[in-house]
Amino acid sequence: MKVTPPGHDERFEKKTSTNGKHFFNLKATNGQIIDTCEMYESTFGCDNGIASVKTNAPKATVED
């Protein structure tokens, strides 16, 4: 089982689409949605996607 790293949990909004797939929105500090992830078959996959963003996003470069 993969454990989600701590940090900014309130910025990840988990949702279920009308076709039953799972996804999340990433929100900025002002509440604006800044990213919507791919669709996952399970909540486990969605949770792993959130964990990946938390782990890898701090190391990402920003392009303007």
N, C-alpha and C. Protein backbone atom coordinates (compact mmCIF):
# COMPACT_ATOMS: atom_id res chain seq x y z
N MET A 1 0.85 -1.19 0.00
CA MET A 1 0.00 0.00 0.00
C MET A 1 0.88 1.23 0.00
N LYS A 2 0.59 2.16 -0.87
CA LYS A 2 1.34 3.41 -0.97
C LYS A 2 0.74 4.43 -0.01
N VAL A 3 1.59 5.12 0.72
CA VAL A 3 1.13 6.13 1.67
C VAL A 3 1.29 7.50 1.04
N THR A 4 0.25 8.32 1.11
CA THR A 4 0.30 9.67 0.55
C THR A 4 1.16 10.56 1.44
N PRO A 5 2.17 11.20 0.86
CA PRO A 5 2.98 12.12 1.65
C PRO A 5 2.12 13.26 2.19
N PRO A 6 2.47 13.78 3.36
CA PRO A 6 1.68 14.88 3.94
C PRO A 6 1.88 16.17 3.16
N GLY A 7 0.99 17.09 3.33
CA GLY A 7 1.16 18.42 2.77
C GLY A 7 0.07 18.85 1.82
N HIS A 8 -0.59 19.92 2.18
CA HIS A 8 -1.57 20.59 1.34
C HIS A 8 -2.72 19.69 0.90
N ASP A 9 -3.16 18.81 1.76
CA ASP A 9 -4.28 17.92 1.42
C ASP A 9 -5.52 18.70 1.00
N GLU A 10 -5.70 19.88 1.58
CA GLU A 10 -6.89 20.68 1.30
C GLU A 10 -6.93 21.18 -0.15
N ARG A 11 -5.82 21.12 -0.85
CA ARG A 11 -5.77 21.59 -2.25
C ARG A 11 -6.17 20.51 -3.25
N PHE A 12 -6.33 19.29 -2.80
CA PHE A 12 -6.70 18.18 -3.67
C PHE A 12 -8.17 17.83 -3.43
N GLU A 13 -8.98 17.99 -4.46
CA GLU A 13 -10.40 17.72 -4.36
C GLU A 13 -10.70 16.46 -5.17
N LYS A 14 -10.98 15.36 -4.46
CA LYS A 14 -11.28 14.09 -5.14
C LYS A 14 -12.73 14.08 -5.59
N LYS A 15 -12.95 13.55 -6.80
CA LYS A 15 -14.29 13.51 -7.36
C LYS A 15 -14.50 12.18 -8.10
N THR A 16 -15.75 11.89 -8.39
CA THR A 16 -16.10 10.73 -9.21
C THR A 16 -16.91 11.23 -10.39
N SER A 17 -16.53 10.82 -11.59
CA SER A 17 -17.22 11.27 -12.80
C SER A 17 -18.53 10.50 -12.97
N THR A 18 -19.32 10.93 -13.93
CA THR A 18 -20.62 10.27 -14.17
C THR A 18 -20.45 8.84 -14.67
N ASN A 19 -19.26 8.51 -15.21
CA ASN A 19 -19.03 7.13 -15.66
C ASN A 19 -18.37 6.27 -14.58
N GLY A 20 -18.28 6.80 -13.36
CA GLY A 20 -17.78 6.03 -12.23
C GLY A 20 -16.27 6.06 -12.05
N LYS A 21 -15.56 6.78 -12.90
CA LYS A 21 -14.10 6.87 -12.75
C LYS A 21 -13.75 7.98 -11.77
N HIS A 22 -12.56 7.88 -11.21
CA HIS A 22 -12.13 8.80 -10.17
C HIS A 22 -11.07 9.75 -10.70
N PHE A 23 -11.11 10.98 -10.19
CA PHE A 23 -10.12 11.98 -10.58
C PHE A 23 -10.00 13.00 -9.46
N PHE A 24 -9.03 13.90 -9.60
CA PHE A 24 -8.92 14.98 -8.63
C PHE A 24 -8.61 16.29 -9.33
N ASN A 25 -9.03 17.36 -8.68
CA ASN A 25 -8.68 18.71 -9.09
C ASN A 25 -7.65 19.23 -8.11
N LEU A 26 -6.69 19.96 -8.61
CA LEU A 26 -5.70 20.62 -7.78
C LEU A 26 -6.06 22.09 -7.75
N LYS A 27 -6.18 22.65 -6.55
CA LYS A 27 -6.60 24.03 -6.40
C LYS A 27 -5.45 24.91 -5.89
N ALA A 28 -5.46 26.15 -6.35
CA ALA A 28 -4.50 27.14 -5.86
C ALA A 28 -4.96 27.61 -4.47
N THR A 29 -4.14 28.41 -3.83
CA THR A 29 -4.50 28.90 -2.49
C THR A 29 -5.77 29.73 -2.50
N ASN A 30 -6.11 30.33 -3.66
CA ASN A 30 -7.34 31.13 -3.75
C ASN A 30 -8.56 30.28 -4.11
N GLY A 31 -8.39 28.97 -4.22
CA GLY A 31 -9.49 28.06 -4.52
C GLY A 31 -9.73 27.80 -5.99
N GLN A 32 -9.00 28.48 -6.86
CA GLN A 32 -9.15 28.27 -8.30
C GLN A 32 -8.54 26.93 -8.71
N ILE A 33 -9.25 26.19 -9.55
CA ILE A 33 -8.73 24.92 -10.06
C ILE A 33 -7.60 25.22 -11.05
N ILE A 34 -6.43 24.66 -10.78
CA ILE A 34 -5.28 24.89 -11.64
C ILE A 34 -4.88 23.65 -12.42
N ASP A 35 -5.46 22.50 -12.07
CA ASP A 35 -5.18 21.28 -12.82
C ASP A 35 -6.25 20.24 -12.52
N THR A 36 -6.57 19.45 -13.53
CA THR A 36 -7.44 18.29 -13.38
C THR A 36 -6.66 17.10 -13.90
N CYS A 37 -6.62 16.05 -13.13
CA CYS A 37 -5.80 14.89 -13.49
C CYS A 37 -6.53 13.99 -14.48
N GLU A 38 -5.84 12.93 -14.84
CA GLU A 38 -6.43 11.89 -15.69
C GLU A 38 -7.49 11.12 -14.90
N MET A 39 -8.26 10.30 -15.57
CA MET A 39 -9.27 9.46 -14.93
C MET A 39 -8.64 8.16 -14.45
N TYR A 40 -9.04 7.74 -13.26
CA TYR A 40 -8.54 6.51 -12.65
C TYR A 40 -9.70 5.54 -12.47
N GLU A 41 -9.41 4.27 -12.59
CA GLU A 41 -10.43 3.23 -12.41
C GLU A 41 -10.84 3.06 -10.95
N SER A 42 -9.94 3.41 -10.02
CA SER A 42 -10.22 3.17 -8.59
C SER A 42 -9.79 4.36 -7.75
N THR A 43 -10.30 4.41 -6.53
CA THR A 43 -9.87 5.45 -5.60
C THR A 43 -8.40 5.24 -5.23
N PHE A 44 -7.96 4.00 -5.21
CA PHE A 44 -6.56 3.69 -4.92
C PHE A 44 -5.65 4.34 -5.96
N GLY A 45 -6.01 4.21 -7.22
CA GLY A 45 -5.23 4.84 -8.29
C GLY A 45 -5.23 6.35 -8.16
N CYS A 46 -6.36 6.92 -7.83
CA CYS A 46 -6.48 8.36 -7.65
C CYS A 46 -5.60 8.83 -6.49
N ASP A 47 -5.63 8.09 -5.40
CA ASP A 47 -4.78 8.42 -4.24
C ASP A 47 -3.30 8.35 -4.60
N ASN A 48 -2.93 7.37 -5.41
CA ASN A 48 -1.54 7.27 -5.85
C ASN A 48 -1.16 8.44 -6.76
N GLY A 49 -2.11 8.91 -7.57
CA GLY A 49 -1.87 10.08 -8.40
C GLY A 49 -1.61 11.32 -7.56
N ILE A 50 -2.39 11.49 -6.51
CA ILE A 50 -2.19 12.62 -5.59
C ILE A 50 -0.82 12.51 -4.94
N ALA A 51 -0.47 11.31 -4.49
CA ALA A 51 0.84 11.10 -3.85
C ALA A 51 1.97 11.44 -4.82
N SER A 52 1.80 11.10 -6.08
CA SER A 52 2.83 11.39 -7.08
C SER A 52 2.99 12.89 -7.27
N VAL A 53 1.88 13.61 -7.34
CA VAL A 53 1.96 15.07 -7.49
C VAL A 53 2.65 15.69 -6.27
N LYS A 54 2.29 15.23 -5.08
CA LYS A 54 2.91 15.77 -3.87
C LYS A 54 4.41 15.50 -3.84
N THR A 55 4.82 14.36 -4.35
CA THR A 55 6.24 13.99 -4.35
C THR A 55 7.02 14.69 -5.45
N ASN A 56 6.45 14.76 -6.65
CA ASN A 56 7.20 15.24 -7.81
C ASN A 56 7.02 16.72 -8.13
N ALA A 57 5.90 17.30 -7.80
CA ALA A 57 5.65 18.71 -8.15
C ALA A 57 6.66 19.68 -7.52
N PRO A 58 7.07 19.48 -6.27
CA PRO A 58 8.04 20.43 -5.71
C PRO A 58 9.36 20.49 -6.47
N LYS A 59 9.68 19.43 -7.23
CA LYS A 59 10.94 19.37 -7.98
C LYS A 59 10.76 19.85 -9.42
N ALA A 60 9.53 20.12 -9.83
CA ALA A 60 9.25 20.48 -11.23
C ALA A 60 9.69 21.90 -11.54
N THR A 61 10.04 22.12 -12.81
CA THR A 61 10.36 23.47 -13.25
C THR A 61 9.08 24.16 -13.67
N VAL A 62 9.06 25.46 -13.53
CA VAL A 62 7.89 26.25 -13.89
C VAL A 62 8.19 27.01 -15.16
N GLU A 63 7.27 26.89 -16.13
CA GLU A 63 7.41 27.62 -17.39
C GLU A 63 6.28 28.63 -17.47
N ASP A 64 6.62 29.84 -17.77
CA ASP A 64 5.62 30.91 -17.88
C ASP A 64 5.27 31.19 -19.30
